[in-house]
Amino acid sequence: RASSYRPFASPWGEPETTLGGRVLQIVAGSVADEPVPHGRTSGAVVALADGGLGVVTGDGVLRVDRVGLDGDVLDAADLLAPEQSLGD
């Protein structure tokens, strides 16, 4: 949160990945207090126990609340679904 300047552009940018060959920014997220589901690798989108969405990382699970795509900011659930893979 400390480096989030929304609705203004961040001077440092935002974390980025890809989804279907398109650049996706992670606009709002936090560390999820859940273990990595068995058999999931980095980039896998997973359902969280509270109904939210997370992405498996090398260190655990990142809860993703808001994403940016093509200049729009969306709720993660509007674009992501479990079983998708980021960074393809």
Protein backbone atom coordinates (compact mmCIF):
# COMPACT_ATOMS: atom_id res chain seq x y z
CA ARG A 1 0.00 0.00 0.00
CA ALA A 2 2.79 2.42 0.76
CA SER A 3 3.77 2.67 -2.90
CA SER A 4 0.21 2.77 -4.28
CA TYR A 5 -0.56 6.17 -5.74
CA ARG A 6 -3.95 5.28 -7.23
CA PRO A 7 -5.73 7.02 -8.84
CA PHE A 8 -2.41 8.58 -9.92
CA ALA A 9 0.37 6.75 -11.75
CA SER A 10 3.09 5.33 -9.53
CA PRO A 11 6.57 6.73 -10.24
CA TRP A 12 7.92 3.17 -9.77
CA GLY A 13 5.30 1.36 -11.83
CA GLU A 14 3.40 -1.70 -10.67
CA PRO A 15 4.24 -5.39 -10.64
CA GLU A 16 3.47 -6.90 -14.02
CA THR A 17 2.88 -10.34 -15.47
CA THR A 18 1.13 -11.62 -18.55
CA LEU A 19 -2.23 -13.24 -19.17
CA GLY A 20 -2.88 -14.65 -22.61
CA GLY A 21 0.03 -12.65 -24.02
CA ARG A 22 -1.31 -9.35 -22.63
CA VAL A 23 0.42 -7.30 -19.91
CA LEU A 24 -1.41 -7.47 -16.58
CA GLN A 25 -0.56 -5.20 -13.63
CA ILE A 26 -1.15 -6.30 -10.05
CA VAL A 27 -2.71 -3.12 -8.66
CA ALA A 28 -3.82 -4.28 -5.20
CA GLY A 29 -2.86 -7.40 -3.34
CA SER A 30 -1.43 -8.78 -0.13
CA VAL A 31 0.22 -11.89 1.23
CA ALA A 32 -2.38 -14.65 1.64
CA ASP A 33 -2.22 -16.60 4.88
CA GLU A 34 -2.73 -19.92 3.10
CA PRO A 35 -0.39 -22.70 2.03
CA VAL A 36 0.36 -23.35 -1.61
CA PRO A 37 -2.15 -25.94 -2.85
CA HIS A 38 -0.53 -29.29 -3.63
CA GLY A 39 0.74 -29.58 -7.17
CA ARG A 40 0.41 -25.87 -8.02
CA THR A 41 3.37 -24.02 -9.49
CA SER A 42 4.25 -20.33 -9.72
CA GLY A 43 1.73 -18.36 -11.74
CA ALA A 44 -1.25 -20.61 -11.00
CA VAL A 45 -4.43 -18.75 -10.05
CA VAL A 46 -6.09 -20.39 -7.03
CA ALA A 47 -9.29 -19.89 -5.04
CA LEU A 48 -8.74 -18.71 -1.48
CA ALA A 49 -10.73 -20.00 1.50
CA ASP A 50 -12.47 -16.62 1.92
CA GLY A 51 -13.66 -16.59 -1.70
CA GLY A 52 -10.88 -14.34 -3.00
CA LEU A 53 -8.27 -15.18 -5.61
CA GLY A 54 -4.58 -15.77 -5.21
CA VAL A 55 -1.57 -16.43 -7.40
CA VAL A 56 1.05 -18.96 -6.42
CA THR A 57 4.54 -17.46 -6.14
CA GLY A 58 7.92 -18.93 -5.30
CA ASP A 59 7.37 -17.93 -1.66
CA GLY A 60 3.68 -18.68 -1.10
CA VAL A 61 0.39 -17.25 -2.28
CA LEU A 62 -0.27 -13.61 -3.22
CA ARG A 63 -3.87 -12.49 -2.75
CA VAL A 64 -4.86 -10.42 -5.80
CA ASP A 65 -7.71 -7.94 -5.31
CA ARG A 66 -7.36 -5.50 -8.24
CA VAL A 67 -5.64 -5.80 -11.60
CA GLY A 68 -4.87 -3.42 -14.45
CA LEU A 69 -5.37 -4.35 -18.08
CA ASP A 70 -5.27 -2.04 -21.11
CA GLY A 71 -5.51 1.05 -18.91
CA ASP A 72 -8.53 -0.18 -16.92
CA VAL A 73 -8.47 -1.24 -13.27
CA LEU A 74 -10.70 -4.20 -12.51
CA ASP A 75 -11.59 -6.45 -9.61
CA ALA A 76 -9.43 -9.54 -9.95
CA ALA A 77 -12.56 -11.75 -10.07
CA ASP A 78 -13.71 -9.91 -13.20
CA LEU A 79 -10.67 -11.16 -15.11
CA LEU A 80 -9.08 -14.08 -13.29
CA ALA A 81 -10.39 -17.54 -12.43
CA PRO A 82 -8.92 -20.56 -10.69
CA GLU A 83 -7.01 -22.88 -13.01
CA GLN A 84 -5.69 -19.98 -15.13
CA SER A 85 -1.96 -19.42 -15.29
CA LEU A 86 -0.20 -16.06 -15.30
CA GLY A 87 3.15 -15.39 -16.91
CA ASP A 88 2.50 -17.48 -19.99
